[in-house]
Amino acid sequence: MASQDWFDKDFYAVLGVSKDVTPAELKKVYRKLARKYHPDSNPGDAASEAKFKEVSEAHSVLSDPELRKEYDQVRAMGGGARFTAGSGGPGGGGGGFEDVFGNMFGQGGGQRTQYRQSGGGGGFDDIFSGMFGGGGGGFGQTSGGYRGFGGPQKGRDMTATTTLDFQTAIVGETISLQASNGKPMKVRIPAGVHDGQKIRLRGRGEPSPDGGEAGDLVLTIAVRKHPVFELDGPNLRVDVPVTFAEAALGATIEVPTLGGEPVRLRVAPGTPSGRVLRVKGRGVPTKAGTGDLLATVQVAVPAHLNDKAREAVEALAAALPSENPRDDLIARARA
């Protein structure tokens, strides 16, 4: 904020409080005004936005004990004076820029000191910064800009990772994590999270440095692979091997379920490898409903045949129509 503002603006009047207002009363008044004039509550209203910035600026100074003390001192010494481009001559009633500094350093109205802003800094803000111990960052500034401009600062976000068993990822669970400050925290993992998913937990990060909203915790989920099942959205997938005879002639087979007894499925005669059989309601429970179990048929070819089995397969091959199942594939590839 420009140093001139400390003379021009009555921050107590902006907030509608007395000069002896307590920190608790100040905080209460500011929150009420911030809610009233916040841009989110008044979209497109330039006047409300300007008022919100004015209220935030006043609060940023008065809520900081050191800045409030400096502000009161500057207001008391300045007496409502204005910085002007020039000053009156000796004995004149200029009351300008030099007079304010003269009063501060006990020089009176006779001796003049010129303060100019150079290209290397050392300007108006630096003068005030040196007077009040600001360290050259600008009057009332912090490394992140003017304190409180636009309202309290949100706390920093934190990140964490956790590894879950496949079963836990499917059904969800409350787990314990250790925060960066060493304190344990309970986190609810929703059902159906997948490997690599990020969950943002509002307000579980670092606290605000000036009374604002806490940061968030961004949790990355790693899910251990299951030896049988894979997650597909709200559904579970499983590959189910069937024999050539079961696929050709049809059969009733058992299919495993996650955490339960196997279910029986009917394989229709002539079922090819890759066909998906659906079991309703045996997938992942979610708010929108429970997914399904998707069983993909994989025809298992015997690796070893005895003489009798080989003769049977050869007899079957001789009895089947003479056709090439790849003819259509080759034709579509050429097209």
C-alpha atoms as a PDB file:
ATOM      1  CA  MET A   1       0.000   0.000   0.000  1.00  0.00           C
ATOM      2  CA  ALA A   2       1.281   3.509  -0.667  1.00  0.00           C
ATOM      3  CA  SER A   3       2.596   5.238   2.444  1.00  0.00           C
ATOM      4  CA  GLN A   4       0.391   8.245   1.734  1.00  0.00           C
ATOM      5  CA  ASP A   5      -2.637   6.047   2.581  1.00  0.00           C
ATOM      6  CA  TRP A   6      -1.650   5.956   6.213  1.00  0.00           C
ATOM      7  CA  PHE A   7      -2.321   9.693   6.363  1.00  0.00           C
ATOM      8  CA  ASP A   8      -5.305   9.761   4.059  1.00  0.00           C
ATOM      9  CA  LYS A   9      -7.339   6.796   5.303  1.00  0.00           C
ATOM     10  CA  ASP A  10      -9.082   6.288   8.613  1.00  0.00           C
ATOM     11  CA  PHE A  11      -9.053   2.505   8.928  1.00  0.00           C
ATOM     12  CA  TYR A  12     -11.107   2.630  12.118  1.00  0.00           C
ATOM     13  CA  ALA A  13     -13.865   4.477  10.277  1.00  0.00           C
ATOM     14  CA  VAL A  14     -13.688   2.049   7.354  1.00  0.00           C
ATOM     15  CA  LEU A  15     -14.465  -0.826   9.699  1.00  0.00           C
ATOM     16  CA  GLY A  16     -16.832   1.232  11.866  1.00  0.00           C
ATOM     17  CA  VAL A  17     -14.949   0.577  15.114  1.00  0.00           C
ATOM     18  CA  SER A  18     -13.447   2.737  17.838  1.00  0.00           C
ATOM     19  CA  LYS A  19      -9.730   3.275  18.296  1.00  0.00           C
ATOM     20  CA  ASP A  20      -9.722   1.084  21.404  1.00  0.00           C
ATOM     21  CA  VAL A  21     -11.358  -1.874  19.663  1.00  0.00           C
ATOM     22  CA  THR A  22     -10.105  -5.246  20.934  1.00  0.00           C
ATOM     23  CA  PRO A  23      -8.588  -7.852  18.567  1.00  0.00           C
ATOM     24  CA  ALA A  24     -11.574 -10.157  19.129  1.00  0.00           C
ATOM     25  CA  GLU A  25     -14.100  -7.406  18.321  1.00  0.00           C
ATOM     26  CA  LEU A  26     -12.044  -6.366  15.283  1.00  0.00           C
ATOM     27  CA  LYS A  27     -12.003  -9.922  13.933  1.00  0.00           C
ATOM     28  CA  LYS A  28     -15.753 -10.291  14.411  1.00  0.00           C
ATOM     29  CA  VAL A  29     -16.520  -7.021  12.602  1.00  0.00           C
ATOM     30  CA  TYR A  30     -14.137  -7.834   9.746  1.00  0.00           C
ATOM     31  CA  ARG A  31     -15.632 -11.258   9.107  1.00  0.00           C
ATOM     32  CA  LYS A  32     -19.116  -9.765   8.964  1.00  0.00           C
ATOM     33  CA  LEU A  33     -18.065  -7.080   6.472  1.00  0.00           C
ATOM     34  CA  ALA A  34     -15.966  -9.506   4.408  1.00  0.00           C
ATOM     35  CA  ARG A  35     -18.944 -11.830   3.977  1.00  0.00           C
ATOM     36  CA  LYS A  36     -21.168  -8.890   3.052  1.00  0.00           C
ATOM     37  CA  TYR A  37     -18.877  -7.405   0.385  1.00  0.00           C
ATOM     38  CA  HIS A  38     -17.006 -10.487  -0.890  1.00  0.00           C
ATOM     39  CA  PRO A  39     -16.972 -10.660  -4.736  1.00  0.00           C
ATOM     40  CA  ASP A  40     -18.369 -14.186  -4.631  1.00  0.00           C
ATOM     41  CA  SER A  41     -21.462 -12.838  -2.861  1.00  0.00           C
ATOM     42  CA  ASN A  42     -21.740  -9.859  -5.223  1.00  0.00           C
ATOM     43  CA  PRO A  43     -20.723 -11.026  -8.706  1.00  0.00           C
ATOM     44  CA  GLY A  44     -20.174  -8.168 -11.129  1.00  0.00           C
ATOM     45  CA  ASP A  45     -20.637  -5.477  -8.456  1.00  0.00           C
ATOM     46  CA  ALA A  46     -17.603  -3.192  -8.752  1.00  0.00           C
ATOM     47  CA  ALA A  47     -18.642  -1.094  -5.740  1.00  0.00           C
ATOM     48  CA  SER A  48     -18.822  -4.137  -3.470  1.00  0.00           C
ATOM     49  CA  GLU A  49     -15.453  -5.360  -4.745  1.00  0.00           C
ATOM     50  CA  ALA A  50     -13.875  -1.988  -4.002  1.00  0.00           C
ATOM     51  CA  LYS A  51     -15.428  -1.960  -0.541  1.00  0.00           C
ATOM     52  CA  PHE A  52     -14.151  -5.489   0.098  1.00  0.00           C
ATOM     53  CA  LYS A  53     -10.595  -4.422  -0.765  1.00  0.00           C
ATOM     54  CA  GLU A  54     -10.932  -1.342   1.440  1.00  0.00           C
ATOM     55  CA  VAL A  55     -12.167  -3.423   4.386  1.00  0.00           C
ATOM     56  CA  SER A  56      -9.412  -6.016   3.873  1.00  0.00           C
ATOM     57  CA  GLU A  57      -6.763  -3.307   3.702  1.00  0.00           C
ATOM     58  CA  ALA A  58      -7.973  -1.762   6.964  1.00  0.00           C
ATOM     59  CA  HIS A  59      -8.119  -5.118   8.712  1.00  0.00           C
ATOM     60  CA  SER A  60      -4.629  -6.116   7.534  1.00  0.00           C
ATOM     61  CA  VAL A  61      -3.159  -3.102   9.345  1.00  0.00           C
ATOM     62  CA  LEU A  62      -5.298  -2.999  12.486  1.00  0.00           C
ATOM     63  CA  SER A  63      -5.145  -6.764  13.103  1.00  0.00           C
ATOM     64  CA  ASP A  64      -1.335  -6.694  13.222  1.00  0.00           C
ATOM     65  CA  PRO A  65      -0.232  -5.273  16.628  1.00  0.00           C
ATOM     66  CA  GLU A  66       2.997  -3.805  15.268  1.00  0.00           C
ATOM     67  CA  LEU A  67       1.421  -2.288  12.163  1.00  0.00           C
ATOM     68  CA  ARG A  68      -1.462  -0.908  14.212  1.00  0.00           C
ATOM     69  CA  LYS A  69       0.988   0.818  16.562  1.00  0.00           C
ATOM     70  CA  GLU A  70       2.905   2.288  13.630  1.00  0.00           C
ATOM     71  CA  TYR A  71      -0.311   3.382  11.957  1.00  0.00           C
ATOM     72  CA  ASP A  72      -1.529   5.155  15.102  1.00  0.00           C
ATOM     73  CA  GLN A  73       1.843   6.910  15.447  1.00  0.00           C
ATOM     74  CA  VAL A  74       1.880   8.054  11.833  1.00  0.00           C
ATOM     75  CA  ARG A  75      -1.706   9.331  12.054  1.00  0.00           C
ATOM     76  CA  ALA A  76      -0.918  11.166  15.282  1.00  0.00           C
ATOM     77  CA  MET A  77       2.244  12.801  13.919  1.00  0.00           C
ATOM     78  CA  GLY A  78       0.824  13.564  10.498  1.00  0.00           C
ATOM     79  CA  GLY A  79      -2.214  15.367  11.791  1.00  0.00           C
ATOM     80  CA  GLY A  80      -3.979  14.784   8.513  1.00  0.00           C
ATOM     81  CA  ALA A  81      -1.199  16.456   6.496  1.00  0.00           C
ATOM     82  CA  ARG A  82      -0.845  15.877   2.761  1.00  0.00           C
ATOM     83  CA  PHE A  83       2.314  15.297   0.758  1.00  0.00           C
ATOM     84  CA  THR A  84       2.560  17.949  -1.930  1.00  0.00           C
ATOM     85  CA  ALA A  85       4.874  18.412  -4.850  1.00  0.00           C
ATOM     86  CA  GLY A  86       6.333  21.612  -3.410  1.00  0.00           C
ATOM     87  CA  SER A  87       6.516  23.465  -0.118  1.00  0.00           C
ATOM     88  CA  GLY A  88       6.180  26.969   1.098  1.00  0.00           C
ATOM     89  CA  GLY A  89       9.195  29.156   1.452  1.00  0.00           C
ATOM     90  CA  PRO A  90      10.909  29.751   4.760  1.00  0.00           C
ATOM     91  CA  GLY A  91       8.354  30.857   7.256  1.00  0.00           C
ATOM     92  CA  GLY A  92       5.566  29.962   4.850  1.00  0.00           C
ATOM     93  CA  GLY A  93       2.576  27.742   5.593  1.00  0.00           C
ATOM     94  CA  GLY A  94       3.389  25.020   3.119  1.00  0.00           C
ATOM     95  CA  GLY A  95       2.836  22.063   5.483  1.00  0.00           C
ATOM     96  CA  GLY A  96       4.077  19.775   2.709  1.00  0.00           C
ATOM     97  CA  PHE A  97       6.294  16.711   2.322  1.00  0.00           C
ATOM     98  CA  GLU A  98       9.349  18.169   4.070  1.00  0.00           C
ATOM     99  CA  ASP A  99       7.276  19.556   6.963  1.00  0.00           C
ATOM    100  CA  VAL A 100       6.002  16.119   7.882  1.00  0.00           C
ATOM    101  CA  PHE A 101       9.528  14.691   7.965  1.00  0.00           C
ATOM    102  CA  GLY A 102      10.817  17.794   9.710  1.00  0.00           C
ATOM    103  CA  ASN A 103       8.330  17.319  12.520  1.00  0.00           C
ATOM    104  CA  MET A 104       9.229  13.654  12.807  1.00  0.00           C
ATOM    105  CA  PHE A 105      12.969  14.346  13.173  1.00  0.00           C
ATOM    106  CA  GLY A 106      12.643  17.515  15.248  1.00  0.00           C
ATOM    107  CA  GLN A 107      13.866  19.849  12.521  1.00  0.00           C
ATOM    108  CA  GLY A 108      11.024  22.298  12.703  1.00  0.00           C
ATOM    109  CA  GLY A 109      10.016  24.371   9.721  1.00  0.00           C
ATOM    110  CA  GLY A 110      13.339  26.058   9.010  1.00  0.00           C
ATOM    111  CA  GLN A 111      15.598  23.225   7.870  1.00  0.00           C
ATOM    112  CA  ARG A 112      14.661  21.322   4.741  1.00  0.00           C
ATOM    113  CA  THR A 113      15.716  17.818   3.759  1.00  0.00           C
ATOM    114  CA  GLN A 114      15.121  16.637   0.224  1.00  0.00           C
ATOM    115  CA  TYR A 115      13.981  13.005  -0.322  1.00  0.00           C
ATOM    116  CA  ARG A 116      14.112  11.744  -3.889  1.00  0.00           C
ATOM    117  CA  GLN A 117      13.411   8.355  -5.412  1.00  0.00           C
ATOM    118  CA  SER A 118      16.344   6.986  -7.399  1.00  0.00           C
ATOM    119  CA  GLY A 119      16.481   4.228 -10.000  1.00  0.00           C
ATOM    120  CA  GLY A 120      18.120   1.811  -7.533  1.00  0.00           C
ATOM    121  CA  GLY A 121      15.280   1.828  -5.017  1.00  0.00           C
ATOM    122  CA  GLY A 122      15.749   3.953  -1.894  1.00  0.00           C
ATOM    123  CA  GLY A 123      12.450   5.673  -2.562  1.00  0.00           C
ATOM    124  CA  PHE A 124       9.520   6.800  -0.511  1.00  0.00           C
ATOM    125  CA  ASP A 125       8.605   3.359   0.769  1.00  0.00           C
ATOM    126  CA  ASP A 126      12.226   2.634   1.733  1.00  0.00           C
ATOM    127  CA  ILE A 127      12.323   5.732   3.918  1.00  0.00           C
ATOM    128  CA  PHE A 128       9.296   4.611   5.868  1.00  0.00           C
ATOM    129  CA  SER A 129      10.601   1.050   5.938  1.00  0.00           C
ATOM    130  CA  GLY A 130      13.827   2.217   7.542  1.00  0.00           C
ATOM    131  CA  MET A 131      11.944   4.329  10.092  1.00  0.00           C
ATOM    132  CA  PHE A 132       9.750   1.465  11.229  1.00  0.00           C
ATOM    133  CA  GLY A 133      12.101  -1.504  10.761  1.00  0.00           C
ATOM    134  CA  GLY A 134      10.585  -2.796   7.553  1.00  0.00           C
ATOM    135  CA  GLY A 135      13.852  -4.050   6.052  1.00  0.00           C
ATOM    136  CA  GLY A 136      13.412  -2.484   2.610  1.00  0.00           C
ATOM    137  CA  GLY A 137      10.381  -4.497   1.566  1.00  0.00           C
ATOM    138  CA  GLY A 138       8.031  -1.560   1.248  1.00  0.00           C
ATOM    139  CA  PHE A 139       5.822   0.056   3.874  1.00  0.00           C
ATOM    140  CA  GLY A 140       3.597  -2.528   5.521  1.00  0.00           C
ATOM    141  CA  GLN A 141       4.788  -5.234   3.155  1.00  0.00           C
ATOM    142  CA  THR A 142       5.660  -8.872   3.585  1.00  0.00           C
ATOM    143  CA  SER A 143       7.496 -11.065   1.070  1.00  0.00           C
ATOM    144  CA  GLY A 144       4.159 -12.061  -0.422  1.00  0.00           C
ATOM    145  CA  GLY A 145       2.896  -8.539  -1.003  1.00  0.00           C
ATOM    146  CA  TYR A 146       1.035  -6.100   1.217  1.00  0.00           C
ATOM    147  CA  ARG A 147      -0.272  -7.810   4.297  1.00  0.00           C
ATOM    148  CA  GLY A 148      -3.887  -8.813   4.157  1.00  0.00           C
ATOM    149  CA  PHE A 149      -4.597  -7.370   0.747  1.00  0.00           C
ATOM    150  CA  GLY A 150      -7.650  -9.260  -0.526  1.00  0.00           C
ATOM    151  CA  GLY A 151      -8.316 -10.913   2.827  1.00  0.00           C
ATOM    152  CA  PRO A 152      -6.568 -13.474   5.029  1.00  0.00           C
ATOM    153  CA  GLN A 153      -4.119 -15.838   3.376  1.00  0.00           C
ATOM    154  CA  LYS A 154      -5.065 -19.503   2.932  1.00  0.00           C
ATOM    155  CA  GLY A 155      -2.769 -22.045   4.569  1.00  0.00           C
ATOM    156  CA  ARG A 156      -0.434 -24.125   2.410  1.00  0.00           C
ATOM    157  CA  ASP A 157      -1.588 -27.423   0.938  1.00  0.00           C
ATOM    158  CA  MET A 158       0.093 -30.635   2.080  1.00  0.00           C
ATOM    159  CA  THR A 159       0.635 -33.833   0.092  1.00  0.00           C
ATOM    160  CA  ALA A 160       0.715 -37.431   1.241  1.00  0.00           C
ATOM    161  CA  THR A 161       0.602 -40.941  -0.244  1.00  0.00           C
ATOM    162  CA  THR A 162      -0.889 -44.159   1.057  1.00  0.00           C
ATOM    163  CA  THR A 163      -0.993 -47.735  -0.243  1.00  0.00           C
ATOM    164  CA  LEU A 164      -4.178 -49.786   0.076  1.00  0.00           C
ATOM    165  CA  ASP A 165      -4.995 -53.429  -0.383  1.00  0.00           C
ATOM    166  CA  PHE A 166      -7.285 -54.108  -3.324  1.00  0.00           C
ATOM    167  CA  GLN A 167     -10.127 -55.127  -1.005  1.00  0.00           C
ATOM    168  CA  THR A 168      -9.810 -51.906   1.036  1.00  0.00           C
ATOM    169  CA  ALA A 169      -9.868 -49.788  -2.117  1.00  0.00           C
ATOM    170  CA  ILE A 170     -13.077 -51.505  -3.228  1.00  0.00           C
ATOM    171  CA  VAL A 171     -15.085 -51.153  -0.011  1.00  0.00           C
ATOM    172  CA  GLY A 172     -13.492 -47.978   1.426  1.00  0.00           C
ATOM    173  CA  GLU A 173     -12.138 -47.515   4.918  1.00  0.00           C
ATOM    174  CA  THR A 174     -11.067 -44.955   7.522  1.00  0.00           C
ATOM    175  CA  ILE A 175      -7.285 -44.984   7.761  1.00  0.00           C
ATOM    176  CA  SER A 176      -4.750 -43.215   9.995  1.00  0.00           C
ATOM    177  CA  LEU A 177      -2.122 -40.871   8.557  1.00  0.00           C
ATOM    178  CA  GLN A 178       0.617 -38.875  10.213  1.00  0.00           C
ATOM    179  CA  ALA A 179       0.686 -35.198   9.325  1.00  0.00           C
ATOM    180  CA  SER A 180       3.877 -33.218   8.719  1.00  0.00           C
ATOM    181  CA  ASN A 181       3.573 -31.778  12.232  1.00  0.00           C
ATOM    182  CA  GLY A 182       3.692 -35.281  13.671  1.00  0.00           C
ATOM    183  CA  LYS A 183       0.042 -35.411  14.668  1.00  0.00           C
ATOM    184  CA  PRO A 184      -2.055 -38.392  13.538  1.00  0.00           C
ATOM    185  CA  MET A 185      -5.218 -37.781  11.540  1.00  0.00           C
ATOM    186  CA  LYS A 186      -8.120 -39.967  10.467  1.00  0.00           C
ATOM    187  CA  VAL A 187      -8.994 -39.956   6.761  1.00  0.00           C
ATOM    188  CA  ARG A 188     -12.020 -41.604   5.174  1.00  0.00           C
ATOM    189  CA  ILE A 189     -11.198 -43.362   1.886  1.00  0.00           C
ATOM    190  CA  PRO A 190     -14.326 -43.682  -0.305  1.00  0.00           C
ATOM    191  CA  ALA A 191     -15.244 -46.975  -1.935  1.00  0.00           C
ATOM    192  CA  GLY A 192     -13.925 -47.645  -5.432  1.00  0.00           C
ATOM    193  CA  VAL A 193     -10.711 -45.583  -5.460  1.00  0.00           C
ATOM    194  CA  HIS A 194      -8.236 -46.619  -8.150  1.00  0.00           C
ATOM    195  CA  ASP A 195      -4.468 -46.735  -8.362  1.00  0.00           C
ATOM    196  CA  GLY A 196      -2.970 -43.259  -8.829  1.00  0.00           C
ATOM    197  CA  GLN A 197      -6.143 -41.408  -7.839  1.00  0.00           C
ATOM    198  CA  LYS A 198      -5.756 -38.136  -5.916  1.00  0.00           C
ATOM    199  CA  ILE A 199      -8.171 -37.155  -3.159  1.00  0.00           C
ATOM    200  CA  ARG A 200      -8.356 -33.536  -1.961  1.00  0.00           C
ATOM    201  CA  LEU A 201      -9.344 -33.185   1.688  1.00  0.00           C
ATOM    202  CA  ARG A 202     -10.494 -29.632   2.356  1.00  0.00           C
ATOM    203  CA  GLY A 203      -9.080 -27.887   5.413  1.00  0.00           C
ATOM    204  CA  ARG A 204      -6.724 -30.736   6.391  1.00  0.00           C
ATOM    205  CA  GLY A 205      -3.530 -28.930   5.347  1.00  0.00           C
ATOM    206  CA  GLU A 206      -1.463 -26.306   7.160  1.00  0.00           C
ATOM    207  CA  PRO A 207      -3.267 -23.562   9.123  1.00  0.00           C
ATOM    208  CA  SER A 208      -3.425 -20.016   7.794  1.00  0.00           C
ATOM    209  CA  PRO A 209      -0.753 -17.646   9.132  1.00  0.00           C
ATOM    210  CA  ASP A 210      -3.298 -14.865   9.682  1.00  0.00           C
ATOM    211  CA  GLY A 211      -6.573 -16.490  10.684  1.00  0.00           C
ATOM    212  CA  GLY A 212      -7.795 -17.466   7.240  1.00  0.00           C
ATOM    213  CA  GLU A 213      -8.836 -20.807   5.786  1.00  0.00           C
ATOM    214  CA  ALA A 214      -6.584 -23.811   6.364  1.00  0.00           C
ATOM    215  CA  GLY A 215      -4.930 -25.464   3.370  1.00  0.00           C
ATOM    216  CA  ASP A 216      -5.913 -28.811   1.885  1.00  0.00           C
ATOM    217  CA  LEU A 217      -4.398 -32.281   2.046  1.00  0.00           C
ATOM    218  CA  VAL A 218      -3.867 -33.862  -1.385  1.00  0.00           C
ATOM    219  CA  LEU A 219      -3.687 -37.627  -0.877  1.00  0.00           C
ATOM    220  CA  THR A 220      -2.380 -39.897  -3.670  1.00  0.00           C
ATOM    221  CA  ILE A 221      -3.685 -43.469  -3.555  1.00  0.00           C
ATOM    222  CA  ALA A 222      -1.658 -46.518  -4.566  1.00  0.00           C
ATOM    223  CA  VAL A 223      -3.612 -49.794  -4.841  1.00  0.00           C
ATOM    224  CA  ARG A 224      -1.918 -53.186  -4.676  1.00  0.00           C
ATOM    225  CA  LYS A 225      -2.804 -55.489  -7.572  1.00  0.00           C
ATOM    226  CA  HIS A 226      -5.148 -58.411  -6.945  1.00  0.00           C
ATOM    227  CA  PRO A 227      -4.098 -61.828  -8.287  1.00  0.00           C
ATOM    228  CA  VAL A 228      -7.534 -62.391  -9.879  1.00  0.00           C
ATOM    229  CA  PHE A 229      -9.636 -59.233 -10.151  1.00  0.00           C
ATOM    230  CA  GLU A 230      -9.160 -55.883 -11.896  1.00  0.00           C
ATOM    231  CA  LEU A 231     -11.071 -52.677 -11.285  1.00  0.00           C
ATOM    232  CA  ASP A 232     -13.009 -51.144 -14.198  1.00  0.00           C
ATOM    233  CA  GLY A 233     -14.912 -48.121 -12.894  1.00  0.00           C
ATOM    234  CA  PRO A 234     -17.656 -49.494 -10.637  1.00  0.00           C
ATOM    235  CA  ASN A 235     -17.224 -52.988 -12.149  1.00  0.00           C
ATOM    236  CA  LEU A 236     -14.880 -55.858 -11.386  1.00  0.00           C
ATOM    237  CA  ARG A 237     -13.301 -57.893 -14.189  1.00  0.00           C
ATOM    238  CA  VAL A 238     -12.073 -61.473 -14.024  1.00  0.00           C
ATOM    239  CA  ASP A 239     -10.794 -63.871 -16.711  1.00  0.00           C
ATOM    240  CA  VAL A 240     -12.494 -67.290 -16.491  1.00  0.00           C
ATOM    241  CA  PRO A 241     -10.943 -70.282 -18.300  1.00  0.00           C
ATOM    242  CA  VAL A 242     -13.298 -72.889 -19.788  1.00  0.00           C
ATOM    243  CA  THR A 243     -12.473 -76.107 -21.597  1.00  0.00           C
ATOM    244  CA  PHE A 244     -12.996 -76.565 -25.314  1.00  0.00           C
ATOM    245  CA  ALA A 245     -15.786 -79.009 -24.597  1.00  0.00           C
ATOM    246  CA  GLU A 246     -17.530 -76.562 -22.194  1.00  0.00           C
ATOM    247  CA  ALA A 247     -17.319 -73.767 -24.741  1.00  0.00           C
ATOM    248  CA  ALA A 248     -18.467 -75.983 -27.635  1.00  0.00           C
ATOM    249  CA  LEU A 249     -21.192 -77.950 -25.896  1.00  0.00           C
ATOM    250  CA  GLY A 250     -22.222 -75.474 -23.197  1.00  0.00           C
ATOM    251  CA  ALA A 251     -21.885 -75.873 -19.436  1.00  0.00           C
ATOM    252  CA  THR A 252     -22.644 -74.369 -16.035  1.00  0.00           C
ATOM    253  CA  ILE A 253     -19.434 -73.121 -14.391  1.00  0.00           C
ATOM    254  CA  GLU A 254     -18.443 -71.457 -11.084  1.00  0.00           C
ATOM    255  CA  VAL A 255     -17.010 -67.931 -11.106  1.00  0.00           C
ATOM    256  CA  PRO A 256     -15.217 -66.400  -8.059  1.00  0.00           C
ATOM    257  CA  THR A 257     -16.470 -63.218  -6.394  1.00  0.00           C
ATOM    258  CA  LEU A 258     -14.514 -60.732  -4.297  1.00  0.00           C
ATOM    259  CA  GLY A 259     -14.833 -61.640  -0.649  1.00  0.00           C
ATOM    260  CA  GLY A 260     -17.738 -64.036  -1.160  1.00  0.00           C
ATOM    261  CA  GLU A 261     -18.788 -67.460  -2.369  1.00  0.00           C
ATOM    262  CA  PRO A 262     -18.473 -68.325  -6.077  1.00  0.00           C
ATOM    263  CA  VAL A 263     -21.524 -67.826  -8.296  1.00  0.00           C
ATOM    264  CA  ARG A 264     -22.745 -70.230 -11.002  1.00  0.00           C
ATOM    265  CA  LEU A 265     -22.906 -69.024 -14.604  1.00  0.00           C
ATOM    266  CA  ARG A 266     -24.309 -70.655 -17.716  1.00  0.00           C
ATOM    267  CA  VAL A 267     -21.952 -70.858 -20.700  1.00  0.00           C
ATOM    268  CA  ALA A 268     -24.003 -71.214 -23.868  1.00  0.00           C
ATOM    269  CA  PRO A 269     -22.990 -73.790 -26.492  1.00  0.00           C
ATOM    270  CA  GLY A 270     -20.543 -72.340 -29.025  1.00  0.00           C
ATOM    271  CA  THR A 271     -19.272 -69.589 -26.673  1.00  0.00           C
ATOM    272  CA  PRO A 272     -16.088 -68.080 -28.146  1.00  0.00           C
ATOM    273  CA  SER A 273     -13.065 -66.954 -26.208  1.00  0.00           C
ATOM    274  CA  GLY A 274     -13.397 -63.290 -25.168  1.00  0.00           C
ATOM    275  CA  ARG A 275     -17.160 -63.293 -24.590  1.00  0.00           C
ATOM    276  CA  VAL A 276     -18.126 -61.388 -21.411  1.00  0.00           C
ATOM    277  CA  LEU A 277     -20.620 -62.838 -18.959  1.00  0.00           C
ATOM    278  CA  ARG A 278     -22.182 -60.353 -16.532  1.00  0.00           C
ATOM    279  CA  VAL A 279     -23.099 -60.970 -12.890  1.00  0.00           C
ATOM    280  CA  LYS A 280     -25.318 -58.112 -11.676  1.00  0.00           C
ATOM    281  CA  GLY A 281     -24.549 -56.353  -8.392  1.00  0.00           C
ATOM    282  CA  ARG A 282     -21.283 -58.105  -7.567  1.00  0.00           C
ATOM    283  CA  GLY A 283     -19.004 -55.170  -8.363  1.00  0.00           C
ATOM    284  CA  VAL A 284     -18.052 -52.016  -6.424  1.00  0.00           C
ATOM    285  CA  PRO A 285     -20.621 -50.367  -4.126  1.00  0.00           C
ATOM    286  CA  THR A 286     -20.838 -46.607  -4.850  1.00  0.00           C
ATOM    287  CA  LYS A 287     -23.252 -43.781  -4.087  1.00  0.00           C
ATOM    288  CA  ALA A 288     -24.764 -44.235  -7.550  1.00  0.00           C
ATOM    289  CA  GLY A 289     -25.247 -47.979  -7.037  1.00  0.00           C
ATOM    290  CA  THR A 290     -23.263 -51.193  -7.114  1.00  0.00           C
ATOM    291  CA  GLY A 291     -21.357 -52.248 -10.205  1.00  0.00           C
ATOM    292  CA  ASP A 292     -21.278 -55.697 -11.820  1.00  0.00           C
ATOM    293  CA  LEU A 293     -18.850 -58.589 -12.072  1.00  0.00           C
ATOM    294  CA  LEU A 294     -17.673 -59.015 -15.669  1.00  0.00           C
ATOM    295  CA  ALA A 295     -16.364 -62.519 -16.420  1.00  0.00           C
ATOM    296  CA  THR A 296     -14.406 -62.843 -19.665  1.00  0.00           C
ATOM    297  CA  VAL A 297     -14.385 -66.352 -21.128  1.00  0.00           C
ATOM    298  CA  GLN A 298     -10.965 -67.730 -22.058  1.00  0.00           C
ATOM    299  CA  VAL A 299     -11.075 -71.087 -23.887  1.00  0.00           C
ATOM    300  CA  ALA A 300      -8.299 -73.246 -22.490  1.00  0.00           C
ATOM    301  CA  VAL A 301      -6.495 -75.440 -25.026  1.00  0.00           C
ATOM    302  CA  PRO A 302      -4.958 -78.624 -23.589  1.00  0.00           C
ATOM    303  CA  ALA A 303      -1.181 -78.578 -23.780  1.00  0.00           C
ATOM    304  CA  HIS A 304      -0.780 -82.364 -23.870  1.00  0.00           C
ATOM    305  CA  LEU A 305      -2.955 -85.012 -25.542  1.00  0.00           C
ATOM    306  CA  ASN A 306      -2.737 -88.773 -25.102  1.00  0.00           C
ATOM    307  CA  ASP A 307      -3.298 -91.030 -28.064  1.00  0.00           C
ATOM    308  CA  LYS A 308      -6.984 -91.500 -27.370  1.00  0.00           C
ATOM    309  CA  ALA A 309      -7.629 -87.773 -26.992  1.00  0.00           C
ATOM    310  CA  ARG A 310      -5.654 -86.998 -30.139  1.00  0.00           C
ATOM    311  CA  GLU A 311      -7.696 -89.477 -32.143  1.00  0.00           C
ATOM    312  CA  ALA A 312     -10.893 -87.892 -30.816  1.00  0.00           C
ATOM    313  CA  VAL A 313      -9.768 -84.385 -31.821  1.00  0.00           C
ATOM    314  CA  GLU A 314      -8.737 -85.604 -35.281  1.00  0.00           C
ATOM    315  CA  ALA A 315     -12.127 -87.250 -35.696  1.00  0.00           C
ATOM    316  CA  LEU A 316     -13.804 -83.991 -34.648  1.00  0.00           C
ATOM    317  CA  ALA A 317     -11.741 -82.002 -37.122  1.00  0.00           C
ATOM    318  CA  ALA A 318     -12.706 -84.397 -39.931  1.00  0.00           C
ATOM    319  CA  ALA A 319     -16.369 -84.112 -39.014  1.00  0.00           C
ATOM    320  CA  LEU A 320     -16.429 -80.286 -38.891  1.00  0.00           C
ATOM    321  CA  PRO A 321     -17.212 -78.220 -42.018  1.00  0.00           C
ATOM    322  CA  SER A 322     -14.157 -77.387 -44.084  1.00  0.00           C
ATOM    323  CA  GLU A 323     -13.825 -73.639 -43.466  1.00  0.00           C
ATOM    324  CA  ASN A 324     -11.148 -71.151 -42.516  1.00  0.00           C
ATOM    325  CA  PRO A 325     -12.252 -68.920 -39.540  1.00  0.00           C
ATOM    326  CA  ARG A 326      -9.646 -66.328 -40.576  1.00  0.00           C
ATOM    327  CA  ASP A 327     -11.045 -65.670 -44.046  1.00  0.00           C
ATOM    328  CA  ASP A 328     -13.204 -62.753 -42.838  1.00  0.00           C
ATOM    329  CA  LEU A 329     -10.270 -61.252 -40.877  1.00  0.00           C
ATOM    330  CA  ILE A 330      -8.017 -61.293 -43.957  1.00  0.00           C
ATOM    331  CA  ALA A 331     -10.763 -59.834 -46.161  1.00  0.00           C
ATOM    332  CA  ARG A 332     -11.393 -56.938 -43.755  1.00  0.00           C
ATOM    333  CA  ALA A 333      -7.670 -56.264 -43.471  1.00  0.00           C
ATOM    334  CA  ARG A 334      -7.335 -55.993 -47.258  1.00  0.00           C
ATOM    335  CA  ALA A 335     -10.313 -53.668 -47.468  1.00  0.00           C
END
